[in-house]
N, C-alpha and C. Protein backbone atom coordinates (compact mmCIF):
# COMPACT_ATOMS: atom_id res chain seq x y z
N MET A 1 0.48 -1.26 0.25
CA MET A 1 -0.30 0.03 -0.56
C MET A 1 0.83 0.93 -0.20
N GLY A 2 2.53 0.95 0.87
CA GLY A 2 3.29 2.11 1.05
C GLY A 2 3.46 3.00 -0.28
N LEU A 3 3.72 1.87 -1.33
CA LEU A 3 4.05 2.22 -2.96
C LEU A 3 3.34 2.90 -3.44
N LEU A 4 2.20 2.32 -3.27
CA LEU A 4 0.53 3.22 -3.62
C LEU A 4 0.61 4.22 -4.02
N SER A 5 1.23 4.57 -2.99
CA SER A 5 0.47 6.13 -2.54
C SER A 5 1.64 7.33 -2.97
N LEU A 6 2.50 6.42 -2.86
CA LEU A 6 4.23 7.66 -3.19
C LEU A 6 4.06 8.82 -4.10
N PRO A 7 3.22 7.84 -5.39
CA PRO A 7 2.75 9.16 -6.70
C PRO A 7 1.89 10.06 -6.13
N CYS A 8 0.39 9.89 -5.54
CA CYS A 8 0.14 10.82 -4.55
C CYS A 8 1.17 11.85 -3.46
N ARG A 9 1.44 11.26 -2.69
CA ARG A 9 2.42 12.49 -1.31
C ARG A 9 3.26 13.50 -2.53
N GLY A 10 4.15 12.60 -3.80
CA GLY A 10 4.49 13.26 -4.59
C GLY A 10 4.23 14.08 -4.77
N LEU A 11 3.09 14.29 -5.61
CA LEU A 11 1.81 15.27 -6.52
C LEU A 11 1.56 16.11 -5.15
N LEU A 12 1.16 15.66 -3.87
CA LEU A 12 1.01 16.75 -2.99
C LEU A 12 2.02 17.81 -2.90
N ARG A 13 3.44 17.06 -3.13
CA ARG A 13 4.42 18.06 -1.97
C ARG A 13 4.29 19.30 -4.23
N VAL A 14 4.04 18.90 -4.89
CA VAL A 14 4.40 19.74 -5.77
C VAL A 14 3.06 20.69 -5.66
N PHE A 15 2.06 20.21 -5.36
CA PHE A 15 0.93 21.64 -4.87
C PHE A 15 0.99 22.26 -3.62
N GLU A 16 2.21 21.49 -2.81
CA GLU A 16 2.27 22.64 -1.69
C GLU A 16 2.91 23.46 -1.86
N GLU A 17 4.56 23.19 -3.04
CA GLU A 17 5.14 24.31 -3.43
C GLU A 17 4.77 25.49 -4.60
N ILE A 18 4.07 25.31 -5.41
CA ILE A 18 2.94 26.23 -5.67
C ILE A 18 2.18 26.69 -5.29
N ALA A 19 1.84 25.95 -3.93
CA ALA A 19 1.10 27.06 -2.73
C ALA A 19 1.98 28.14 -2.38
N GLU A 20 3.32 27.43 -2.12
CA GLU A 20 3.93 28.10 -0.98
C GLU A 20 4.75 29.45 -2.19
N ARG A 21 4.79 29.06 -3.71
CA ARG A 21 5.34 30.46 -4.60
C ARG A 21 4.41 31.49 -4.69
N ALA A 22 3.04 30.35 -4.83
CA ALA A 22 2.25 31.89 -5.51
C ALA A 22 1.98 32.57 -4.07
N GLU A 23 2.11 32.21 -2.77
CA GLU A 23 1.73 33.21 -1.56
C GLU A 23 2.87 33.99 -1.70
N ARG A 24 4.68 33.63 -1.42
CA ARG A 24 5.80 35.07 -1.63
C ARG A 24 5.32 35.30 -2.63
N GLU A 25 5.05 35.27 -4.02
CA GLU A 25 4.75 35.95 -5.50
C GLU A 25 3.51 37.25 -4.21
N LEU A 26 2.58 36.60 -3.96
CA LEU A 26 2.12 37.60 -3.64
C LEU A 26 1.76 37.94 -2.68
N TYR A 27 2.49 37.43 -1.40
CA TYR A 27 3.03 38.85 -0.46
C TYR A 27 4.17 39.52 -0.90
N SER A 28 5.06 39.88 -2.03
CA SER A 28 6.29 40.36 -2.49
C SER A 28 6.01 41.57 -2.47
N ASP A 29 6.75 42.88 -1.47
CA ASP A 29 6.26 44.19 -2.19
C ASP A 29 6.26 44.94 -3.31
N GLU A 30 8.06 43.72 -3.67
CA GLU A 30 8.44 44.52 -5.05
C GLU A 30 7.82 44.09 -5.59
N ALA A 31 7.50 42.83 -6.41
CA ALA A 31 5.85 42.54 -7.21
C ALA A 31 5.16 43.62 -7.24
N THR A 32 4.80 43.56 -6.54
CA THR A 32 3.29 44.68 -5.72
C THR A 32 3.86 46.20 -6.57
N MET A 33 4.99 46.53 -5.62
CA MET A 33 5.17 47.85 -6.47
C MET A 33 5.78 47.43 -8.02
N ALA A 34 5.84 46.88 -8.52
CA ALA A 34 6.11 46.87 -9.73
C ALA A 34 5.34 46.88 -10.46
N GLU A 35 4.05 46.75 -10.37
CA GLU A 35 2.20 46.11 -10.26
C GLU A 35 1.82 47.74 -10.52
N LEU A 36 1.60 47.91 -9.20
CA LEU A 36 1.63 49.52 -9.22
C LEU A 36 2.09 50.60 -9.98
N THR A 37 3.21 50.64 -9.91
CA THR A 37 4.26 51.64 -11.35
C THR A 37 4.17 51.44 -12.38
N GLU A 38 3.62 50.09 -13.19
CA GLU A 38 3.46 49.42 -14.60
C GLU A 38 1.02 50.62 -14.59
N LEU A 39 0.85 50.13 -13.59
CA LEU A 39 -0.50 50.71 -13.19
C LEU A 39 -0.95 52.34 -13.43
N TYR A 40 0.66 53.63 -12.75
CA TYR A 40 0.47 54.45 -13.24
C TYR A 40 1.02 54.88 -14.95
N ALA A 41 1.92 54.03 -15.18
CA ALA A 41 2.75 54.39 -16.46
C ALA A 41 1.34 54.08 -16.96
N ARG A 42 0.50 53.38 -17.40
CA ARG A 42 -0.55 52.53 -18.78
C ARG A 42 -1.86 53.81 -18.22
N LEU A 43 -2.20 54.55 -16.77
CA LEU A 43 -2.40 55.34 -16.96
C LEU A 43 -2.46 55.90 -17.41
N GLU A 44 -1.30 56.89 -17.30
CA GLU A 44 -0.78 58.30 -18.09
C GLU A 44 -0.57 58.41 -19.41
N SER A 45 -0.60 56.33 -19.95
CA SER A 45 -0.58 56.81 -21.81
C SER A 45 -1.94 56.73 -21.75
N GLY A 46 -3.08 56.36 -20.95
CA GLY A 46 -4.60 56.53 -21.36
C GLY A 46 -4.46 55.49 -21.78
N ALA A 47 -4.01 54.43 -22.06
CA ALA A 47 -4.19 52.86 -21.29
C ALA A 47 -5.33 52.27 -20.59
N LEU A 48 -5.50 52.97 -19.81
CA LEU A 48 -6.47 52.60 -18.98
C LEU A 48 -6.89 53.52 -17.79
N ALA A 49 -8.26 53.85 -17.97
CA ALA A 49 -9.81 54.61 -18.06
C ALA A 49 -9.22 54.62 -16.33
N GLU A 50 -9.80 56.26 -15.55
CA GLU A 50 -8.90 56.08 -14.31
C GLU A 50 -10.92 55.65 -13.39
N GLU A 51 -11.76 55.13 -13.74
CA GLU A 51 -12.54 54.41 -12.36
C GLU A 51 -11.67 53.14 -12.70
N ALA A 52 -10.83 52.56 -13.59
CA ALA A 52 -10.18 50.95 -13.35
C ALA A 52 -9.20 51.63 -12.25
N PHE A 53 -8.04 52.44 -13.02
CA PHE A 53 -7.55 52.75 -12.49
C PHE A 53 -7.30 52.82 -10.90
N GLY A 54 -8.13 53.39 -10.29
CA GLY A 54 -9.00 53.53 -9.34
C GLY A 54 -9.03 52.39 -8.42
N ARG A 55 -9.17 51.34 -8.96
CA ARG A 55 -10.38 50.11 -8.14
C ARG A 55 -8.78 49.12 -7.76
N ARG A 56 -8.47 49.08 -8.93
CA ARG A 56 -6.89 48.43 -9.01
C ARG A 56 -5.99 48.93 -7.59
N GLU A 57 -5.57 50.46 -7.99
CA GLU A 57 -4.91 50.91 -7.44
C GLU A 57 -4.90 50.51 -5.47
N ALA A 58 -5.99 50.88 -5.25
CA ALA A 58 -6.83 50.65 -4.43
C ALA A 58 -6.61 49.03 -4.01
N GLU A 59 -6.28 48.20 -4.46
CA GLU A 59 -6.07 46.31 -4.41
C GLU A 59 -4.50 45.95 -3.93
N LEU A 60 -4.49 47.26 -5.21
CA LEU A 60 -2.53 46.72 -4.88
C LEU A 60 -1.93 47.82 -3.08
N VAL A 61 -2.43 48.93 -2.78
CA VAL A 61 -2.26 49.22 -1.31
C VAL A 61 -2.51 48.85 -0.48
N GLU A 62 -3.92 48.51 -0.58
CA GLU A 62 -4.20 47.24 0.74
C GLU A 62 -3.19 45.94 0.53
N ARG A 63 -3.09 45.19 -0.84
CA ARG A 63 -1.93 44.41 -0.29
C ARG A 63 -0.69 44.49 0.21
N LEU A 64 -0.44 46.11 0.16
CA LEU A 64 1.13 46.31 0.66
C LEU A 64 0.61 46.31 2.10
N GLU A 65 0.30 47.00 2.28
CA GLU A 65 -0.33 46.86 3.61
C GLU A 65 -0.91 45.42 4.65
N GLU A 66 -1.41 44.92 3.41
CA GLU A 66 -1.71 42.82 4.15
C GLU A 66 0.31 43.08 4.02
N ILE A 67 1.47 43.44 3.09
CA ILE A 67 2.45 42.23 3.60
C ILE A 67 3.27 43.39 4.53
N GLU A 68 2.74 44.35 4.83
CA GLU A 68 3.85 45.46 5.92
C GLU A 68 3.38 44.74 7.03
N ALA A 69 1.86 44.48 7.51
CA ALA A 69 1.09 43.67 8.79
C ALA A 69 1.45 42.53 8.45
N ARG A 70 1.91 41.93 8.18
CA ARG A 70 2.66 39.92 8.34
C ARG A 70 4.11 40.72 7.99
N ARG A 71 4.96 41.76 7.93
CA ARG A 71 6.25 41.53 8.27
C ARG A 71 6.07 41.90 9.75
N ARG A 72 5.36 42.61 10.69
CA ARG A 72 4.62 42.81 11.53
C ARG A 72 4.76 41.74 12.64
N THR A 73 3.83 41.30 12.13
CA THR A 73 4.15 40.07 13.34
C THR A 73 4.77 39.35 12.97
N SER A 74 5.26 38.82 11.96
CA SER A 74 6.56 38.07 12.11
C SER A 74 7.74 38.19 12.58
N ARG A 75 7.69 39.66 12.54
CA ARG A 75 9.51 39.80 13.68
C ARG A 75 8.50 40.02 15.27
N ALA A 76 7.65 40.21 15.81
CA ALA A 76 7.11 39.96 16.76
C ALA A 76 7.06 38.52 17.76
């Protein structure tokens, strides 16, 4: 039975690794700041409407606040 569960455990580990990398990317202030910078550039070039900009900017600022809060709790 142990031999049969080996592929499942390997697949589970792959999914765990993907989740960990996605979380690191989501909570990366560098990636979020880069996205925010690109958002401002798209607004200035006229490629993005003010309304869409405002919504996305609010999401990114909120994410940056979450990142900072996570850092504060991890230091404590």
